[in-house]
């Protein structure tokens, strides 16, 4: 494909060209083409971690969590310490409510990066899901020791609600987890619980970067 050798001189190997084609498809919103191109690179054993993380994101976008986890697993075999892949896997486990598996992985992540408060926060939420309140409290205390963000909580009375525990846990923990994840140091996170004639309400406010306005219609 490189008859005159110009591509090779500019380090444009076949793999680099395939990556460029895949990312071009992603930028154009051609997810199926991008998935095919990225999958081909993964099958060839590419060493580029971003290939695995981007393919996993596309699978998640399409609702295929199993495929995303398989891609992440393959990527971690290539680069076990890749933070992006580790955080994606932890985020999936958190949303699925797989508390015991998540705690095991968070233990390893904390051992590798003991100053990362996101890992402590995710583990605290997981402990709460297992009713291990003392361990959850210990992780929250650890966060306060190392975190400069201000977290406040307000509720107008003790509130009891009925519903699917796993779904409620997933929805609330995801909101709080993202607030902690994207709020910078010296920022503020406010959690408000209240009940009125319309029902139960839970609000999370933070001083993070927020979601791009062009994505609001796909989320809300």
C-alpha atoms as a PDB file:
ATOM      1  CA  UNK A   1       0.000   0.000   0.000  1.00  0.00           C
ATOM      2  CA  UNK A   2       3.053   2.254   0.432  1.00  0.00           C
ATOM      3  CA  UNK A   3       4.760   1.859  -2.928  1.00  0.00           C
ATOM      4  CA  UNK A   4       6.940   4.972  -2.750  1.00  0.00           C
ATOM      5  CA  UNK A   5       7.661   4.643   0.985  1.00  0.00           C
ATOM      6  CA  UNK A   6       6.374   8.105   1.860  1.00  0.00           C
ATOM      7  CA  UNK A   7       3.882   6.855   4.426  1.00  0.00           C
ATOM      8  CA  UNK A   8       6.559   4.864   6.212  1.00  0.00           C
ATOM      9  CA  UNK A   9       8.857   7.889   6.262  1.00  0.00           C
ATOM     10  CA  UNK A  10       6.114   9.782   8.118  1.00  0.00           C
ATOM     11  CA  UNK A  11       5.426   6.865  10.507  1.00  0.00           C
ATOM     12  CA  UNK A  12       2.041   6.279   8.852  1.00  0.00           C
ATOM     13  CA  UNK A  13       1.895   2.521   9.226  1.00  0.00           C
ATOM     14  CA  UNK A  14      -1.105   0.402   8.289  1.00  0.00           C
ATOM     15  CA  UNK A  15      -2.227   0.404  11.946  1.00  0.00           C
ATOM     16  CA  UNK A  16      -1.975   4.197  12.206  1.00  0.00           C
ATOM     17  CA  UNK A  17      -4.055   4.588   9.038  1.00  0.00           C
ATOM     18  CA  UNK A  18      -6.666   2.184  10.413  1.00  0.00           C
ATOM     19  CA  UNK A  19      -6.772   4.186  13.644  1.00  0.00           C
ATOM     20  CA  UNK A  20      -7.273   7.404  11.671  1.00  0.00           C
ATOM     21  CA  UNK A  21     -10.142   5.812   9.747  1.00  0.00           C
ATOM     22  CA  UNK A  22     -11.754   4.603  12.982  1.00  0.00           C
ATOM     23  CA  UNK A  23     -11.520   7.985  14.703  1.00  0.00           C
ATOM     24  CA  UNK A  24     -12.793   9.724  11.577  1.00  0.00           C
ATOM     25  CA  UNK A  25     -15.859   7.462  11.650  1.00  0.00           C
ATOM     26  CA  UNK A  26     -16.391   8.268  15.334  1.00  0.00           C
ATOM     27  CA  UNK A  27     -16.168  12.016  14.700  1.00  0.00           C
ATOM     28  CA  UNK A  28     -18.726  11.672  11.911  1.00  0.00           C
ATOM     29  CA  UNK A  29     -21.140   9.776  14.140  1.00  0.00           C
ATOM     30  CA  UNK A  30     -20.705   6.569  12.140  1.00  0.00           C
ATOM     31  CA  UNK A  31     -20.615   4.310  15.177  1.00  0.00           C
ATOM     32  CA  UNK A  32     -21.033   0.993  13.341  1.00  0.00           C
ATOM     33  CA  UNK A  33     -18.087   1.711  11.039  1.00  0.00           C
ATOM     34  CA  UNK A  34     -16.010   2.853  13.986  1.00  0.00           C
ATOM     35  CA  UNK A  35     -16.822  -0.316  15.951  1.00  0.00           C
ATOM     36  CA  UNK A  36     -15.791  -2.502  13.004  1.00  0.00           C
ATOM     37  CA  UNK A  37     -12.519  -0.631  12.536  1.00  0.00           C
ATOM     38  CA  UNK A  38     -11.626  -0.566  16.232  1.00  0.00           C
ATOM     39  CA  UNK A  39     -12.590  -4.230  16.674  1.00  0.00           C
ATOM     40  CA  UNK A  40     -10.241  -5.157  13.826  1.00  0.00           C
ATOM     41  CA  UNK A  41      -7.404  -3.338  15.603  1.00  0.00           C
ATOM     42  CA  UNK A  42      -8.192  -5.084  18.895  1.00  0.00           C
ATOM     43  CA  UNK A  43      -8.163  -8.488  17.195  1.00  0.00           C
ATOM     44  CA  UNK A  44      -4.714  -7.660  15.813  1.00  0.00           C
ATOM     45  CA  UNK A  45      -3.528  -7.047  19.387  1.00  0.00           C
ATOM     46  CA  UNK A  46      -2.931  -3.300  19.144  1.00  0.00           C
ATOM     47  CA  UNK A  47      -0.915  -1.862  22.043  1.00  0.00           C
ATOM     48  CA  UNK A  48      -2.726   1.494  21.909  1.00  0.00           C
ATOM     49  CA  UNK A  49      -4.898   1.781  25.043  1.00  0.00           C
ATOM     50  CA  UNK A  50      -7.134   4.463  23.535  1.00  0.00           C
ATOM     51  CA  UNK A  51      -8.367   1.931  20.964  1.00  0.00           C
ATOM     52  CA  UNK A  52      -9.781  -0.253  23.743  1.00  0.00           C
ATOM     53  CA  UNK A  53     -11.295   2.619  25.718  1.00  0.00           C
ATOM     54  CA  UNK A  54     -12.956   4.164  22.658  1.00  0.00           C
ATOM     55  CA  UNK A  55     -14.354   0.818  21.525  1.00  0.00           C
ATOM     56  CA  UNK A  56     -15.711   0.177  25.025  1.00  0.00           C
ATOM     57  CA  UNK A  57     -17.361   3.624  25.025  1.00  0.00           C
ATOM     58  CA  UNK A  58     -19.074   2.872  21.725  1.00  0.00           C
ATOM     59  CA  UNK A  59     -20.403  -0.434  23.069  1.00  0.00           C
ATOM     60  CA  UNK A  60     -21.709   1.347  26.173  1.00  0.00           C
ATOM     61  CA  UNK A  61     -23.322   3.991  23.981  1.00  0.00           C
ATOM     62  CA  UNK A  62     -25.135   1.176  22.188  1.00  0.00           C
ATOM     63  CA  UNK A  63     -26.184  -0.430  25.477  1.00  0.00           C
ATOM     64  CA  UNK A  64     -23.923  -3.492  25.166  1.00  0.00           C
ATOM     65  CA  UNK A  65     -22.313  -3.595  28.606  1.00  0.00           C
ATOM     66  CA  UNK A  66     -21.045  -7.170  28.168  1.00  0.00           C
ATOM     67  CA  UNK A  67     -19.120  -6.290  25.016  1.00  0.00           C
ATOM     68  CA  UNK A  68     -17.710  -3.179  26.721  1.00  0.00           C
ATOM     69  CA  UNK A  69     -16.433  -5.205  29.686  1.00  0.00           C
ATOM     70  CA  UNK A  70     -14.851  -7.769  27.349  1.00  0.00           C
ATOM     71  CA  UNK A  71     -13.007  -5.000  25.489  1.00  0.00           C
ATOM     72  CA  UNK A  72     -11.861  -3.450  28.769  1.00  0.00           C
ATOM     73  CA  UNK A  73     -10.614  -6.859  29.915  1.00  0.00           C
ATOM     74  CA  UNK A  74      -8.602  -7.244  26.697  1.00  0.00           C
ATOM     75  CA  UNK A  75      -7.192  -3.750  27.090  1.00  0.00           C
ATOM     76  CA  UNK A  76      -6.107  -4.372  30.674  1.00  0.00           C
ATOM     77  CA  UNK A  77      -4.242  -7.479  29.528  1.00  0.00           C
ATOM     78  CA  UNK A  78      -2.199  -5.168  27.309  1.00  0.00           C
ATOM     79  CA  UNK A  79      -1.865  -2.356  29.859  1.00  0.00           C
ATOM     80  CA  UNK A  80      -3.049  -3.376  33.325  1.00  0.00           C
ATOM     81  CA  UNK A  81      -2.304   0.050  34.832  1.00  0.00           C
ATOM     82  CA  UNK A  82      -4.255   2.128  32.310  1.00  0.00           C
ATOM     83  CA  UNK A  83      -6.323   4.516  34.459  1.00  0.00           C
ATOM     84  CA  UNK A  84      -8.964   5.154  31.813  1.00  0.00           C
ATOM     85  CA  UNK A  85      -9.770   1.463  31.413  1.00  0.00           C
ATOM     86  CA  UNK A  86      -9.719   0.899  35.182  1.00  0.00           C
ATOM     87  CA  UNK A  87     -12.120   3.785  35.809  1.00  0.00           C
ATOM     88  CA  UNK A  88     -14.473   2.673  33.031  1.00  0.00           C
ATOM     89  CA  UNK A  89     -14.682  -0.807  34.511  1.00  0.00           C
ATOM     90  CA  UNK A  90     -15.296   0.540  38.009  1.00  0.00           C
ATOM     91  CA  UNK A  91     -18.008   2.878  36.713  1.00  0.00           C
ATOM     92  CA  UNK A  92     -19.816  -0.023  34.999  1.00  0.00           C
ATOM     93  CA  UNK A  93     -19.667  -2.173  38.122  1.00  0.00           C
ATOM     94  CA  UNK A  94     -20.964   0.719  40.230  1.00  0.00           C
ATOM     95  CA  UNK A  95     -23.934   1.308  37.923  1.00  0.00           C
ATOM     96  CA  UNK A  96     -24.732  -2.414  37.896  1.00  0.00           C
ATOM     97  CA  UNK A  97     -24.690  -2.594  41.688  1.00  0.00           C
ATOM     98  CA  UNK A  98     -22.054  -5.358  41.670  1.00  0.00           C
ATOM     99  CA  UNK A  99     -20.840  -4.259  45.090  1.00  0.00           C
ATOM    100  CA  UNK A 100     -18.701  -7.224  46.143  1.00  0.00           C
ATOM    101  CA  UNK A 101     -16.817  -7.411  42.844  1.00  0.00           C
ATOM    102  CA  UNK A 102     -16.449  -3.649  42.796  1.00  0.00           C
ATOM    103  CA  UNK A 103     -14.993  -3.537  46.312  1.00  0.00           C
ATOM    104  CA  UNK A 104     -12.354  -6.121  45.376  1.00  0.00           C
ATOM    105  CA  UNK A 105     -11.298  -4.046  42.366  1.00  0.00           C
ATOM    106  CA  UNK A 106     -11.395  -0.812  44.375  1.00  0.00           C
ATOM    107  CA  UNK A 107      -9.123  -2.330  47.021  1.00  0.00           C
ATOM    108  CA  UNK A 108      -6.521  -2.883  44.312  1.00  0.00           C
ATOM    109  CA  UNK A 109      -7.067   0.577  42.811  1.00  0.00           C
ATOM    110  CA  UNK A 110      -6.669   2.264  46.216  1.00  0.00           C
ATOM    111  CA  UNK A 111      -3.488   0.300  46.923  1.00  0.00           C
ATOM    112  CA  UNK A 112      -2.087   1.617  43.637  1.00  0.00           C
ATOM    113  CA  UNK A 113      -3.379   5.189  44.045  1.00  0.00           C
ATOM    114  CA  UNK A 114      -4.131   5.871  47.753  1.00  0.00           C
ATOM    115  CA  UNK A 115      -4.744   9.581  47.233  1.00  0.00           C
ATOM    116  CA  UNK A 116      -7.613   9.149  44.759  1.00  0.00           C
ATOM    117  CA  UNK A 117     -10.780  10.081  46.633  1.00  0.00           C
ATOM    118  CA  UNK A 118     -13.034   8.819  43.832  1.00  0.00           C
ATOM    119  CA  UNK A 119     -12.007   5.261  44.656  1.00  0.00           C
ATOM    120  CA  UNK A 120     -12.784   5.735  48.366  1.00  0.00           C
ATOM    121  CA  UNK A 121     -16.126   7.291  47.523  1.00  0.00           C
ATOM    122  CA  UNK A 122     -17.121   4.460  45.179  1.00  0.00           C
ATOM    123  CA  UNK A 123     -16.084   1.910  47.799  1.00  0.00           C
ATOM    124  CA  UNK A 124     -18.076   3.715  50.494  1.00  0.00           C
ATOM    125  CA  UNK A 125     -21.185   3.622  48.295  1.00  0.00           C
ATOM    126  CA  UNK A 126     -20.585  -0.077  47.678  1.00  0.00           C
ATOM    127  CA  UNK A 127     -20.241  -0.768  51.408  1.00  0.00           C
ATOM    128  CA  UNK A 128     -23.507   1.044  52.007  1.00  0.00           C
ATOM    129  CA  UNK A 129     -25.150  -1.188  49.416  1.00  0.00           C
ATOM    130  CA  UNK A 130     -24.043  -4.162  51.516  1.00  0.00           C
ATOM    131  CA  UNK A 131     -25.155  -2.495  54.795  1.00  0.00           C
ATOM    132  CA  UNK A 132     -21.541  -2.347  56.014  1.00  0.00           C
ATOM    133  CA  UNK A 133     -22.003   1.125  57.442  1.00  0.00           C
ATOM    134  CA  UNK A 134     -18.858   1.223  59.610  1.00  0.00           C
ATOM    135  CA  UNK A 135     -16.605   0.503  56.636  1.00  0.00           C
ATOM    136  CA  UNK A 136     -18.495   3.089  54.573  1.00  0.00           C
ATOM    137  CA  UNK A 137     -18.051   5.676  57.340  1.00  0.00           C
ATOM    138  CA  UNK A 138     -14.314   4.938  57.496  1.00  0.00           C
ATOM    139  CA  UNK A 139     -13.978   5.614  53.766  1.00  0.00           C
ATOM    140  CA  UNK A 140     -15.985   8.840  54.036  1.00  0.00           C
ATOM    141  CA  UNK A 141     -13.687   9.949  56.877  1.00  0.00           C
ATOM    142  CA  UNK A 142     -10.681   9.169  54.672  1.00  0.00           C
ATOM    143  CA  UNK A 143     -12.120  11.343  51.913  1.00  0.00           C
ATOM    144  CA  UNK A 144     -12.469  14.269  54.328  1.00  0.00           C
ATOM    145  CA  UNK A 145      -8.828  13.812  55.346  1.00  0.00           C
ATOM    146  CA  UNK A 146      -7.479  14.156  51.816  1.00  0.00           C
ATOM    147  CA  UNK A 147     -10.160  16.031  49.862  1.00  0.00           C
ATOM    148  CA  UNK A 148     -10.445  19.828  49.653  1.00  0.00           C
ATOM    149  CA  UNK A 149     -13.947  19.851  48.203  1.00  0.00           C
ATOM    150  CA  UNK A 150     -16.873  20.863  50.385  1.00  0.00           C
ATOM    151  CA  UNK A 151     -19.735  18.364  50.563  1.00  0.00           C
ATOM    152  CA  UNK A 152     -22.987  19.322  52.317  1.00  0.00           C
ATOM    153  CA  UNK A 153     -26.190  17.359  52.782  1.00  0.00           C
ATOM    154  CA  UNK A 154     -29.641  18.672  53.640  1.00  0.00           C
ATOM    155  CA  UNK A 155     -32.989  16.948  54.214  1.00  0.00           C
ATOM    156  CA  UNK A 156     -36.230  18.265  55.636  1.00  0.00           C
ATOM    157  CA  UNK A 157     -37.034  15.073  57.577  1.00  0.00           C
ATOM    158  CA  UNK A 158     -36.322  11.351  57.622  1.00  0.00           C
ATOM    159  CA  UNK A 159     -37.676  10.013  54.345  1.00  0.00           C
ATOM    160  CA  UNK A 160     -38.788   6.488  53.453  1.00  0.00           C
ATOM    161  CA  UNK A 161     -39.486   5.456  49.873  1.00  0.00           C
ATOM    162  CA  UNK A 162     -40.497   2.178  48.243  1.00  0.00           C
ATOM    163  CA  UNK A 163     -39.157   0.868  44.957  1.00  0.00           C
ATOM    164  CA  UNK A 164     -36.552  -1.358  43.361  1.00  0.00           C
ATOM    165  CA  UNK A 165     -33.596  -1.085  45.733  1.00  0.00           C
ATOM    166  CA  UNK A 166     -30.998  -1.875  43.077  1.00  0.00           C
ATOM    167  CA  UNK A 167     -32.382   0.663  40.598  1.00  0.00           C
ATOM    168  CA  UNK A 168     -32.653   3.390  43.245  1.00  0.00           C
ATOM    169  CA  UNK A 169     -29.145   2.634  44.472  1.00  0.00           C
ATOM    170  CA  UNK A 170     -27.784   2.785  40.915  1.00  0.00           C
ATOM    171  CA  UNK A 171     -29.514   6.066  40.045  1.00  0.00           C
ATOM    172  CA  UNK A 172     -28.593   7.947  43.231  1.00  0.00           C
ATOM    173  CA  UNK A 173     -25.027   6.632  43.485  1.00  0.00           C
ATOM    174  CA  UNK A 174     -24.398   7.477  39.835  1.00  0.00           C
ATOM    175  CA  UNK A 175     -25.464  11.099  40.353  1.00  0.00           C
ATOM    176  CA  UNK A 176     -23.316  11.539  43.455  1.00  0.00           C
ATOM    177  CA  UNK A 177     -20.353   9.648  41.993  1.00  0.00           C
ATOM    178  CA  UNK A 178     -20.289  11.867  38.887  1.00  0.00           C
ATOM    179  CA  UNK A 179     -20.477  15.003  41.046  1.00  0.00           C
ATOM    180  CA  UNK A 180     -17.421  13.875  43.013  1.00  0.00           C
ATOM    181  CA  UNK A 181     -15.633  12.760  39.844  1.00  0.00           C
ATOM    182  CA  UNK A 182     -16.006  16.040  37.954  1.00  0.00           C
ATOM    183  CA  UNK A 183     -15.888  18.656  40.717  1.00  0.00           C
ATOM    184  CA  UNK A 184     -12.375  20.141  41.043  1.00  0.00           C
ATOM    185  CA  UNK A 185     -10.454  20.792  44.240  1.00  0.00           C
ATOM    186  CA  UNK A 186     -11.907  23.620  46.322  1.00  0.00           C
ATOM    187  CA  UNK A 187     -15.270  23.006  44.630  1.00  0.00           C
ATOM    188  CA  UNK A 188     -18.609  22.414  46.324  1.00  0.00           C
ATOM    189  CA  UNK A 189     -21.107  19.536  46.183  1.00  0.00           C
ATOM    190  CA  UNK A 190     -24.590  19.917  47.684  1.00  0.00           C
ATOM    191  CA  UNK A 191     -26.992  17.007  48.235  1.00  0.00           C
ATOM    192  CA  UNK A 192     -30.625  17.846  49.021  1.00  0.00           C
ATOM    193  CA  UNK A 193     -33.414  15.402  49.932  1.00  0.00           C
ATOM    194  CA  UNK A 194     -37.002  16.530  50.432  1.00  0.00           C
ATOM    195  CA  UNK A 195     -40.573  15.409  50.231  1.00  0.00           C
ATOM    196  CA  UNK A 196     -43.660  17.441  49.324  1.00  0.00           C
ATOM    197  CA  UNK A 197     -47.157  16.868  47.906  1.00  0.00           C
ATOM    198  CA  UNK A 198     -45.654  15.861  44.559  1.00  0.00           C
ATOM    199  CA  UNK A 199     -43.522  13.136  46.124  1.00  0.00           C
ATOM    200  CA  UNK A 200     -39.868  12.447  46.914  1.00  0.00           C
ATOM    201  CA  UNK A 201     -37.073  14.592  45.470  1.00  0.00           C
ATOM    202  CA  UNK A 202     -33.292  14.236  45.405  1.00  0.00           C
ATOM    203  CA  UNK A 203     -31.039  16.956  44.033  1.00  0.00           C
ATOM    204  CA  UNK A 204     -27.286  17.051  43.424  1.00  0.00           C
ATOM    205  CA  UNK A 205     -25.624  20.392  42.763  1.00  0.00           C
ATOM    206  CA  UNK A 206     -21.912  20.866  42.143  1.00  0.00           C
ATOM    207  CA  UNK A 207     -19.410  23.352  40.770  1.00  0.00           C
ATOM    208  CA  UNK A 208     -18.000  20.964  38.176  1.00  0.00           C
ATOM    209  CA  UNK A 209     -17.716  21.620  34.441  1.00  0.00           C
ATOM    210  CA  UNK A 210     -21.207  20.300  33.672  1.00  0.00           C
ATOM    211  CA  UNK A 211     -22.485  18.613  30.523  1.00  0.00           C
ATOM    212  CA  UNK A 212     -22.078  20.215  27.103  1.00  0.00           C
ATOM    213  CA  UNK A 213     -25.317  21.913  26.027  1.00  0.00           C
ATOM    214  CA  UNK A 214     -25.426  19.956  22.740  1.00  0.00           C
ATOM    215  CA  UNK A 215     -25.742  16.697  24.730  1.00  0.00           C
ATOM    216  CA  UNK A 216     -28.692  17.727  26.923  1.00  0.00           C
ATOM    217  CA  UNK A 217     -31.355  16.342  24.588  1.00  0.00           C
ATOM    218  CA  UNK A 218     -29.730  12.870  24.580  1.00  0.00           C
ATOM    219  CA  UNK A 219     -29.612  12.715  28.385  1.00  0.00           C
ATOM    220  CA  UNK A 220     -32.685  14.471  29.783  1.00  0.00           C
END
